[in-house]
Amino acid sequence: MNGNDTKKTSHTDWERVDAMSDEDIDTSDIPPLEEEFFANAEIRLPKKKVPITMRVDPDVLAWFKSFGKGYQTRMNAVLRTYMDAYSKRTPSP
């Protein structure tokens, strides 16, 4: 966590959430989980990201940033999609 993370303000009404009982929570859009789900479930921890310095064209960076927060995550997703597509066509070195 960096220093900026603690400055973000939540817009959630936490007092209202804390006052809710389990019965107050609408879970009607969530299908029930059967035993088979838990029998096949796996714990998957996120892979740690590697910080890098990368040079990109200013307009490319501006375009990714124009979508708001998470531009680095979007850039990573684009690179992953390219990697996956390329890997299907070409064997790994």
PDB file of N, CA and C in Angstrom:
ATOM      1  N   MET A   1       0.859  -1.181   0.000  1.00  0.00           N
ATOM      2  CA  MET A   1       0.000   0.000   0.000  1.00  0.00           C
ATOM      3  C   MET A   1       0.894   1.229   0.000  1.00  0.00           C
ATOM      4  N   ASN A   2       0.550   2.186  -0.853  1.00  0.00           N
ATOM      5  CA  ASN A   2       1.332   3.416  -0.860  1.00  0.00           C
ATOM      6  C   ASN A   2       0.575   4.513  -0.115  1.00  0.00           C
ATOM      7  N   GLY A   3       1.187   5.660   0.045  1.00  0.00           N
ATOM      8  CA  GLY A   3       0.594   6.756   0.810  1.00  0.00           C
ATOM      9  C   GLY A   3      -0.725   7.256   0.256  1.00  0.00           C
ATOM     10  N   ASN A   4      -0.933   7.141  -1.064  1.00  0.00           N
ATOM     11  CA  ASN A   4      -2.171   7.624  -1.673  1.00  0.00           C
ATOM     12  C   ASN A   4      -3.369   6.754  -1.330  1.00  0.00           C
ATOM     13  N   ASP A   5      -3.142   5.461  -1.030  1.00  0.00           N
ATOM     14  CA  ASP A   5      -4.245   4.552  -0.756  1.00  0.00           C
ATOM     15  C   ASP A   5      -5.047   4.962   0.480  1.00  0.00           C
ATOM     16  N   THR A   6      -4.396   5.557   1.450  1.00  0.00           N
ATOM     17  CA  THR A   6      -5.089   5.925   2.675  1.00  0.00           C
ATOM     18  C   THR A   6      -5.894   7.203   2.531  1.00  0.00           C
ATOM     19  N   LYS A   7      -5.737   7.922   1.425  1.00  0.00           N
ATOM     20  CA  LYS A   7      -6.455   9.172   1.227  1.00  0.00           C
ATOM     21  C   LYS A   7      -7.765   8.981   0.471  1.00  0.00           C
ATOM     22  N   LYS A   8      -8.014   7.780  -0.028  1.00  0.00           N
ATOM     23  CA  LYS A   8      -9.234   7.526  -0.793  1.00  0.00           C
ATOM     24  C   LYS A   8     -10.424   7.464   0.164  1.00  0.00           C
ATOM     25  N   THR A   9     -11.512   8.088  -0.224  1.00  0.00           N
ATOM     26  CA  THR A   9     -12.708   8.128   0.597  1.00  0.00           C
ATOM     27  C   THR A   9     -13.746   7.160   0.045  1.00  0.00           C
ATOM     28  N   SER A  10     -14.275   6.319   0.899  1.00  0.00           N
ATOM     29  CA  SER A  10     -15.316   5.383   0.492  1.00  0.00           C
ATOM     30  C   SER A  10     -16.648   6.117   0.431  1.00  0.00           C
ATOM     31  N   HIS A  11     -17.448   5.799  -0.577  1.00  0.00           N
ATOM     32  CA  HIS A  11     -18.776   6.394  -0.692  1.00  0.00           C
ATOM     33  C   HIS A  11     -19.849   5.431  -0.182  1.00  0.00           C
ATOM     34  N   THR A  12     -19.415   4.353   0.464  1.00  0.00           N
ATOM     35  CA  THR A  12     -20.342   3.368   1.015  1.00  0.00           C
ATOM     36  C   THR A  12     -20.867   3.865   2.358  1.00  0.00           C
ATOM     37  N   ASP A  13     -22.143   3.673   2.579  1.00  0.00           N
ATOM     38  CA  ASP A  13     -22.750   4.017   3.863  1.00  0.00           C
ATOM     39  C   ASP A  13     -22.502   2.853   4.819  1.00  0.00           C
ATOM     40  N   TRP A  14     -21.314   2.842   5.446  1.00  0.00           N
ATOM     41  CA  TRP A  14     -20.906   1.716   6.279  1.00  0.00           C
ATOM     42  C   TRP A  14     -21.782   1.559   7.513  1.00  0.00           C
ATOM     43  N   GLU A  15     -22.342   2.635   8.028  1.00  0.00           N
ATOM     44  CA  GLU A  15     -23.233   2.519   9.193  1.00  0.00           C
ATOM     45  C   GLU A  15     -24.467   1.708   8.820  1.00  0.00           C
ATOM     46  N   ARG A  16     -25.013   1.976   7.626  1.00  0.00           N
ATOM     47  CA  ARG A  16     -26.182   1.224   7.163  1.00  0.00           C
ATOM     48  C   ARG A  16     -25.823  -0.244   6.931  1.00  0.00           C
ATOM     49  N   VAL A  17     -24.656  -0.479   6.347  1.00  0.00           N
ATOM     50  CA  VAL A  17     -24.219  -1.855   6.107  1.00  0.00           C
ATOM     51  C   VAL A  17     -24.027  -2.590   7.426  1.00  0.00           C
ATOM     52  N   ASP A  18     -23.368  -1.957   8.374  1.00  0.00           N
ATOM     53  CA  ASP A  18     -23.143  -2.586   9.675  1.00  0.00           C
ATOM     54  C   ASP A  18     -24.445  -2.885  10.411  1.00  0.00           C
ATOM     55  N   ALA A  19     -25.469  -2.071  10.177  1.00  0.00           N
ATOM     56  CA  ALA A  19     -26.752  -2.258  10.858  1.00  0.00           C
ATOM     57  C   ALA A  19     -27.591  -3.375  10.234  1.00  0.00           C
ATOM     58  N   MET A  20     -27.221  -3.819   9.038  1.00  0.00           N
ATOM     59  CA  MET A  20     -28.006  -4.857   8.348  1.00  0.00           C
ATOM     60  C   MET A  20     -27.792  -6.217   8.996  1.00  0.00           C
ATOM     61  N   SER A  21     -28.858  -7.002   9.021  1.00  0.00           N
ATOM     62  CA  SER A  21     -28.735  -8.391   9.458  1.00  0.00           C
ATOM     63  C   SER A  21     -28.564  -9.256   8.215  1.00  0.00           C
ATOM     64  N   ASP A  22     -28.229 -10.510   8.386  1.00  0.00           N
ATOM     65  CA  ASP A  22     -28.076 -11.415   7.248  1.00  0.00           C
ATOM     66  C   ASP A  22     -29.365 -11.499   6.435  1.00  0.00           C
ATOM     67  N   GLU A  23     -30.502 -11.430   7.102  1.00  0.00           N
ATOM     68  CA  GLU A  23     -31.787 -11.532   6.419  1.00  0.00           C
ATOM     69  C   GLU A  23     -32.075 -10.305   5.552  1.00  0.00           C
ATOM     70  N   ASP A  24     -31.453  -9.169   5.866  1.00  0.00           N
ATOM     71  CA  ASP A  24     -31.657  -7.935   5.103  1.00  0.00           C
ATOM     72  C   ASP A  24     -30.921  -7.937   3.764  1.00  0.00           C
ATOM     73  N   ILE A  25     -29.981  -8.841   3.608  1.00  0.00           N
ATOM     74  CA  ILE A  25     -29.155  -8.863   2.403  1.00  0.00           C
ATOM     75  C   ILE A  25     -29.846  -9.685   1.327  1.00  0.00           C
ATOM     76  N   ASP A  26     -30.079  -9.072   0.163  1.00  0.00           N
ATOM     77  CA  ASP A  26     -30.745  -9.746  -0.959  1.00  0.00           C
ATOM     78  C   ASP A  26     -29.723 -10.552  -1.737  1.00  0.00           C
ATOM     79  N   THR A  27     -29.828 -11.865  -1.643  1.00  0.00           N
ATOM     80  CA  THR A  27     -28.916 -12.753  -2.366  1.00  0.00           C
ATOM     81  C   THR A  27     -29.661 -13.542  -3.449  1.00  0.00           C
ATOM     82  N   SER A  28     -30.814 -13.037  -3.855  1.00  0.00           N
ATOM     83  CA  SER A  28     -31.654 -13.785  -4.799  1.00  0.00           C
ATOM     84  C   SER A  28     -31.016 -13.960  -6.173  1.00  0.00           C
ATOM     85  N   ASP A  29     -30.050 -13.106  -6.516  1.00  0.00           N
ATOM     86  CA  ASP A  29     -29.412 -13.226  -7.822  1.00  0.00           C
ATOM     87  C   ASP A  29     -28.159 -14.105  -7.792  1.00  0.00           C
ATOM     88  N   ILE A  30     -27.872 -14.706  -6.639  1.00  0.00           N
ATOM     89  CA  ILE A  30     -26.702 -15.567  -6.496  1.00  0.00           C
ATOM     90  C   ILE A  30     -27.167 -17.026  -6.440  1.00  0.00           C
ATOM     91  N   PRO A  31     -26.743 -17.849  -7.394  1.00  0.00           N
ATOM     92  CA  PRO A  31     -27.169 -19.251  -7.355  1.00  0.00           C
ATOM     93  C   PRO A  31     -26.531 -19.969  -6.169  1.00  0.00           C
ATOM     94  N   PRO A  32     -27.235 -20.934  -5.592  1.00  0.00           N
ATOM     95  CA  PRO A  32     -26.644 -21.673  -4.467  1.00  0.00           C
ATOM     96  C   PRO A  32     -25.451 -22.510  -4.938  1.00  0.00           C
ATOM     97  N   LEU A  33     -24.475 -22.658  -4.088  1.00  0.00           N
ATOM     98  CA  LEU A  33     -23.302 -23.464  -4.415  1.00  0.00           C
ATOM     99  C   LEU A  33     -23.505 -24.873  -3.878  1.00  0.00           C
ATOM    100  N   GLU A  34     -23.317 -25.844  -4.744  1.00  0.00           N
ATOM    101  CA  GLU A  34     -23.494 -27.247  -4.376  1.00  0.00           C
ATOM    102  C   GLU A  34     -22.160 -27.802  -3.858  1.00  0.00           C
ATOM    103  N   GLU A  35     -22.209 -28.987  -3.274  1.00  0.00           N
ATOM    104  CA  GLU A  35     -21.004 -29.635  -2.753  1.00  0.00           C
ATOM    105  C   GLU A  35     -19.964 -29.845  -3.853  1.00  0.00           C
ATOM    106  N   GLU A  36     -20.420 -30.101  -5.083  1.00  0.00           N
ATOM    107  CA  GLU A  36     -19.502 -30.326  -6.201  1.00  0.00           C
ATOM    108  C   GLU A  36     -18.597 -29.114  -6.422  1.00  0.00           C
ATOM    109  N   PHE A  37     -19.160 -27.917  -6.245  1.00  0.00           N
ATOM    110  CA  PHE A  37     -18.370 -26.701  -6.404  1.00  0.00           C
ATOM    111  C   PHE A  37     -17.198 -26.706  -5.433  1.00  0.00           C
ATOM    112  N   PHE A  38     -17.477 -26.994  -4.174  1.00  0.00           N
ATOM    113  CA  PHE A  38     -16.429 -26.957  -3.157  1.00  0.00           C
ATOM    114  C   PHE A  38     -15.442 -28.112  -3.328  1.00  0.00           C
ATOM    115  N   ALA A  39     -15.911 -29.257  -3.835  1.00  0.00           N
ATOM    116  CA  ALA A  39     -15.023 -30.394  -4.062  1.00  0.00           C
ATOM    117  C   ALA A  39     -14.007 -30.082  -5.149  1.00  0.00           C
ATOM    118  N   ASN A  40     -14.383 -29.241  -6.127  1.00  0.00           N
ATOM    119  CA  ASN A  40     -13.501 -28.909  -7.241  1.00  0.00           C
ATOM    120  C   ASN A  40     -12.824 -27.547  -7.092  1.00  0.00           C
ATOM    121  N   ALA A  41     -13.098 -26.853  -6.001  1.00  0.00           N
ATOM    122  CA  ALA A  41     -12.568 -25.503  -5.815  1.00  0.00           C
ATOM    123  C   ALA A  41     -11.058 -25.534  -5.577  1.00  0.00           C
ATOM    124  N   GLU A  42     -10.379 -24.513  -6.091  1.00  0.00           N
ATOM    125  CA  GLU A  42      -8.945 -24.350  -5.892  1.00  0.00           C
ATOM    126  C   GLU A  42      -8.686 -22.946  -5.364  1.00  0.00           C
ATOM    127  N   ILE A  43      -7.720 -22.840  -4.496  1.00  0.00           N
ATOM    128  CA  ILE A  43      -7.298 -21.521  -4.031  1.00  0.00           C
ATOM    129  C   ILE A  43      -6.272 -21.012  -5.027  1.00  0.00           C
ATOM    130  N   ARG A  44      -6.534 -19.843  -5.579  1.00  0.00           N
ATOM    131  CA  ARG A  44      -5.601 -19.223  -6.524  1.00  0.00           C
ATOM    132  C   ARG A  44      -5.220 -17.851  -5.989  1.00  0.00           C
ATOM    133  N   LEU A  45      -3.975 -17.736  -5.621  1.00  0.00           N
ATOM    134  CA  LEU A  45      -3.476 -16.456  -5.146  1.00  0.00           C
ATOM    135  C   LEU A  45      -2.974 -15.655  -6.339  1.00  0.00           C
ATOM    136  N   PRO A  46      -3.198 -14.349  -6.331  1.00  0.00           N
ATOM    137  CA  PRO A  46      -2.732 -13.542  -7.461  1.00  0.00           C
ATOM    138  C   PRO A  46      -1.210 -13.563  -7.543  1.00  0.00           C
ATOM    139  N   LYS A  47      -0.714 -13.567  -8.779  1.00  0.00           N
ATOM    140  CA  LYS A  47       0.732 -13.516  -8.974  1.00  0.00           C
ATOM    141  C   LYS A  47       1.211 -12.097  -8.699  1.00  0.00           C
ATOM    142  N   LYS A  48       2.369 -12.016  -8.080  1.00  0.00           N
ATOM    143  CA  LYS A  48       2.942 -10.710  -7.777  1.00  0.00           C
ATOM    144  C   LYS A  48       3.397 -10.045  -9.072  1.00  0.00           C
ATOM    145  N   LYS A  49       3.076  -8.801  -9.246  1.00  0.00           N
ATOM    146  CA  LYS A  49       3.491  -8.032 -10.416  1.00  0.00           C
ATOM    147  C   LYS A  49       4.946  -7.597 -10.242  1.00  0.00           C
ATOM    148  N   VAL A  50       5.618  -7.423 -11.360  1.00  0.00           N
ATOM    149  CA  VAL A  50       7.004  -6.978 -11.369  1.00  0.00           C
ATOM    150  C   VAL A  50       7.029  -5.532 -11.841  1.00  0.00           C
ATOM    151  N   PRO A  51       7.517  -4.613 -11.010  1.00  0.00           N
ATOM    152  CA  PRO A  51       7.585  -3.216 -11.454  1.00  0.00           C
ATOM    153  C   PRO A  51       8.674  -3.060 -12.518  1.00  0.00           C
ATOM    154  N   ILE A  52       8.346  -2.328 -13.575  1.00  0.00           N
ATOM    155  CA  ILE A  52       9.301  -2.064 -14.649  1.00  0.00           C
ATOM    156  C   ILE A  52       9.201  -0.604 -15.059  1.00  0.00           C
ATOM    157  N   THR A  53      10.188  -0.178 -15.820  1.00  0.00           N
ATOM    158  CA  THR A  53      10.114   1.115 -16.487  1.00  0.00           C
ATOM    159  C   THR A  53      10.002   0.811 -17.967  1.00  0.00           C
ATOM    160  N   MET A  54       9.023   1.399 -18.621  1.00  0.00           N
ATOM    161  CA  MET A  54       8.783   1.115 -20.020  1.00  0.00           C
ATOM    162  C   MET A  54       8.524   2.430 -20.754  1.00  0.00           C
ATOM    163  N   ARG A  55       9.081   2.564 -21.927  1.00  0.00           N
ATOM    164  CA  ARG A  55       8.868   3.762 -22.727  1.00  0.00           C
ATOM    165  C   ARG A  55       7.750   3.484 -23.730  1.00  0.00           C
ATOM    166  N   VAL A  56       6.743   4.340 -23.720  1.00  0.00           N
ATOM    167  CA  VAL A  56       5.637   4.228 -24.678  1.00  0.00           C
ATOM    168  C   VAL A  56       5.403   5.603 -25.297  1.00  0.00           C
ATOM    169  N   ASP A  57       4.783   5.602 -26.445  1.00  0.00           N
ATOM    170  CA  ASP A  57       4.460   6.872 -27.094  1.00  0.00           C
ATOM    171  C   ASP A  57       3.466   7.647 -26.230  1.00  0.00           C
ATOM    172  N   PRO A  58       3.613   8.974 -26.178  1.00  0.00           N
ATOM    173  CA  PRO A  58       2.724   9.785 -25.345  1.00  0.00           C
ATOM    174  C   PRO A  58       1.243   9.586 -25.663  1.00  0.00           C
ATOM    175  N   ASP A  59       0.893   9.433 -26.948  1.00  0.00           N
ATOM    176  CA  ASP A  59      -0.521   9.274 -27.296  1.00  0.00           C
ATOM    177  C   ASP A  59      -1.063   7.916 -26.853  1.00  0.00           C
ATOM    178  N   VAL A  60      -0.191   6.900 -26.832  1.00  0.00           N
ATOM    179  CA  VAL A  60      -0.619   5.580 -26.350  1.00  0.00           C
ATOM    180  C   VAL A  60      -0.930   5.665 -24.863  1.00  0.00           C
ATOM    181  N   LEU A  61      -0.035   6.272 -24.102  1.00  0.00           N
ATOM    182  CA  LEU A  61      -0.252   6.419 -22.662  1.00  0.00           C
ATOM    183  C   LEU A  61      -1.496   7.259 -22.391  1.00  0.00           C
ATOM    184  N   ALA A  62      -1.658   8.349 -23.114  1.00  0.00           N
ATOM    185  CA  ALA A  62      -2.829   9.221 -22.928  1.00  0.00           C
ATOM    186  C   ALA A  62      -4.117   8.456 -23.209  1.00  0.00           C
ATOM    187  N   TRP A  63      -4.086   7.610 -24.244  1.00  0.00           N
ATOM    188  CA  TRP A  63      -5.292   6.839 -24.588  1.00  0.00           C
ATOM    189  C   TRP A  63      -5.663   5.884 -23.461  1.00  0.00           C
ATOM    190  N   PHE A  64      -4.690   5.146 -22.910  1.00  0.00           N
ATOM    191  CA  PHE A  64      -4.983   4.236 -21.803  1.00  0.00           C
ATOM    192  C   PHE A  64      -5.447   5.013 -20.573  1.00  0.00           C
ATOM    193  N   LYS A  65      -4.805   6.136 -20.291  1.00  0.00           N
ATOM    194  CA  LYS A  65      -5.187   6.944 -19.126  1.00  0.00           C
ATOM    195  C   LYS A  65      -6.571   7.572 -19.297  1.00  0.00           C
ATOM    196  N   SER A  66      -7.008   7.773 -20.541  1.00  0.00           N
ATOM    197  CA  SER A  66      -8.302   8.427 -20.780  1.00  0.00           C
ATOM    198  C   SER A  66      -9.476   7.614 -20.252  1.00  0.00           C
ATOM    199  N   PHE A  67      -9.256   6.332 -19.986  1.00  0.00           N
ATOM    200  CA  PHE A  67     -10.315   5.484 -19.444  1.00  0.00           C
ATOM    201  C   PHE A  67     -10.371   5.534 -17.922  1.00  0.00           C
ATOM    202  N   GLY A  68      -9.470   6.282 -17.304  1.00  0.00           N
ATOM    203  CA  GLY A  68      -9.499   6.450 -15.859  1.00  0.00           C
ATOM    204  C   GLY A  68      -8.544   5.527 -15.136  1.00  0.00           C
ATOM    205  N   LYS A  69      -8.799   5.362 -13.853  1.00  0.00           N
ATOM    206  CA  LYS A  69      -7.936   4.546 -12.999  1.00  0.00           C
ATOM    207  C   LYS A  69      -7.776   3.150 -13.582  1.00  0.00           C
ATOM    208  N   GLY A  70      -6.642   2.563 -13.302  1.00  0.00           N
ATOM    209  CA  GLY A  70      -6.400   1.200 -13.732  1.00  0.00           C
ATOM    210  C   GLY A  70      -5.768   1.092 -15.105  1.00  0.00           C
ATOM    211  N   TYR A  71      -5.174   2.174 -15.590  1.00  0.00           N
ATOM    212  CA  TYR A  71      -4.611   2.126 -16.946  1.00  0.00           C
ATOM    213  C   TYR A  71      -3.459   1.125 -17.034  1.00  0.00           C
ATOM    214  N   GLN A  72      -2.678   0.970 -15.972  1.00  0.00           N
ATOM    215  CA  GLN A  72      -1.579   0.004 -16.008  1.00  0.00           C
ATOM    216  C   GLN A  72      -2.120  -1.424 -16.056  1.00  0.00           C
ATOM    217  N   THR A  73      -3.198  -1.678 -15.348  1.00  0.00           N
ATOM    218  CA  THR A  73      -3.832  -2.994 -15.382  1.00  0.00           C
ATOM    219  C   THR A  73      -4.366  -3.281 -16.772  1.00  0.00           C
ATOM    220  N   ARG A  74      -4.974  -2.265 -17.416  1.00  0.00           N
ATOM    221  CA  ARG A  74      -5.465  -2.451 -18.788  1.00  0.00           C
ATOM    222  C   ARG A  74      -4.323  -2.711 -19.755  1.00  0.00           C
ATOM    223  N   MET A  75      -3.227  -1.985 -19.590  1.00  0.00           N
ATOM    224  CA  MET A  75      -2.074  -2.203 -20.457  1.00  0.00           C
ATOM    225  C   MET A  75      -1.541  -3.627 -20.276  1.00  0.00           C
ATOM    226  N   ASN A  76      -1.501  -4.104 -19.046  1.00  0.00           N
ATOM    227  CA  ASN A  76      -1.053  -5.465 -18.774  1.00  0.00           C
ATOM    228  C   ASN A  76      -1.997  -6.472 -19.429  1.00  0.00           C
ATOM    229  N   ALA A  77      -3.305  -6.208 -19.379  1.00  0.00           N
ATOM    230  CA  ALA A  77      -4.281  -7.114 -19.985  1.00  0.00           C
ATOM    231  C   ALA A  77      -4.100  -7.194 -21.498  1.00  0.00           C
ATOM    232  N   VAL A  78      -3.815  -6.058 -22.125  1.00  0.00           N
ATOM    233  CA  VAL A  78      -3.579  -6.037 -23.579  1.00  0.00           C
ATOM    234  C   VAL A  78      -2.327  -6.845 -23.901  1.00  0.00           C
ATOM    235  N   LEU A  79      -1.263  -6.654 -23.129  1.00  0.00           N
ATOM    236  CA  LEU A  79      -0.036  -7.410 -23.354  1.00  0.00           C
ATOM    237  C   LEU A  79      -0.253  -8.902 -23.135  1.00  0.00           C
ATOM    238  N   ARG A  80      -1.038  -9.261 -22.120  1.00  0.00           N
ATOM    239  CA  ARG A  80      -1.330 -10.672 -21.856  1.00  0.00           C
ATOM    240  C   ARG A  80      -2.132 -11.275 -23.003  1.00  0.00           C
ATOM    241  N   THR A  81      -3.113 -10.559 -23.517  1.00  0.00           N
ATOM    242  CA  THR A  81      -3.911 -11.053 -24.641  1.00  0.00           C
ATOM    243  C   THR A  81      -3.028 -11.294 -25.850  1.00  0.00           C
ATOM    244  N   TYR A  82      -2.127 -10.369 -26.112  1.00  0.00           N
ATOM    245  CA  TYR A  82      -1.189 -10.529 -27.220  1.00  0.00           C
ATOM    246  C   TYR A  82      -0.298 -11.751 -26.985  1.00  0.00           C
ATOM    247  N   MET A  83       0.227 -11.879 -25.767  1.00  0.00           N
ATOM    248  CA  MET A  83       1.096 -13.007 -25.435  1.00  0.00           C
ATOM    249  C   MET A  83       0.366 -14.333 -25.624  1.00  0.00           C
ATOM    250  N   ASP A  84      -0.857 -14.412 -25.121  1.00  0.00           N
ATOM    251  CA  ASP A  84      -1.646 -15.645 -25.246  1.00  0.00           C
ATOM    252  C   ASP A  84      -1.910 -15.985 -26.707  1.00  0.00           C
ATOM    253  N   ALA A  85      -2.278 -14.993 -27.505  1.00  0.00           N
ATOM    254  CA  ALA A  85      -2.556 -15.226 -28.924  1.00  0.00           C
ATOM    255  C   ALA A  85      -1.287 -15.643 -29.662  1.00  0.00           C
ATOM    256  N   TYR A  86      -0.193 -14.991 -29.374  1.00  0.00           N
ATOM    257  CA  TYR A  86       1.078 -15.302 -30.035  1.00  0.00           C
ATOM    258  C   TYR A  86       1.569 -16.686 -29.621  1.00  0.00           C
ATOM    259  N   SER A  87       1.389 -17.027 -28.335  1.00  0.00           N
ATOM    260  CA  SER A  87       1.841 -18.321 -27.825  1.00  0.00           C
ATOM    261  C   SER A  87       1.105 -19.477 -28.478  1.00  0.00           C
ATOM    262  N   LYS A  88      -0.135 -19.283 -28.867  1.00  0.00           N
ATOM    263  CA  LYS A  88      -0.908 -20.339 -29.523  1.00  0.00           C
ATOM    264  C   LYS A  88      -0.387 -20.606 -30.937  1.00  0.00           C
ATOM    265  N   ARG A  89       0.224 -19.595 -31.547  1.00  0.00           N
ATOM    266  CA  ARG A  89       0.735 -19.736 -32.927  1.00  0.00           C
ATOM    267  C   ARG A  89       2.184 -20.188 -32.965  1.00  0.00           C
ATOM    268  N   THR A  90       2.952 -19.824 -31.932  1.00  0.00           N
ATOM    269  CA  THR A  90       4.382 -20.054 -31.940  1.00  0.00           C
ATOM    270  C   THR A  90       4.813 -20.770 -30.672  1.00  0.00           C
ATOM    271  N   PRO A  91       5.593 -21.848 -30.778  1.00  0.00           N
ATOM    272  CA  PRO A  91       6.069 -22.517 -29.560  1.00  0.00           C
ATOM    273  C   PRO A  91       6.980 -21.599 -28.744  1.00  0.00           C
ATOM    274  N   SER A  92       7.000 -21.815 -27.453  1.00  0.00           N
ATOM    275  CA  SER A  92       7.848 -21.007 -26.565  1.00  0.00           C
ATOM    276  C   SER A  92       9.316 -21.273 -26.867  1.00  0.00           C
ATOM    277  N   PRO A  93      10.176 -20.270 -26.686  1.00  0.00           N
ATOM    278  CA  PRO A  93      11.612 -20.454 -26.940  1.00  0.00           C
ATOM    279  C   PRO A  93      12.238 -21.390 -25.919  1.00  0.00           C
TER     280      PRO A  93
END
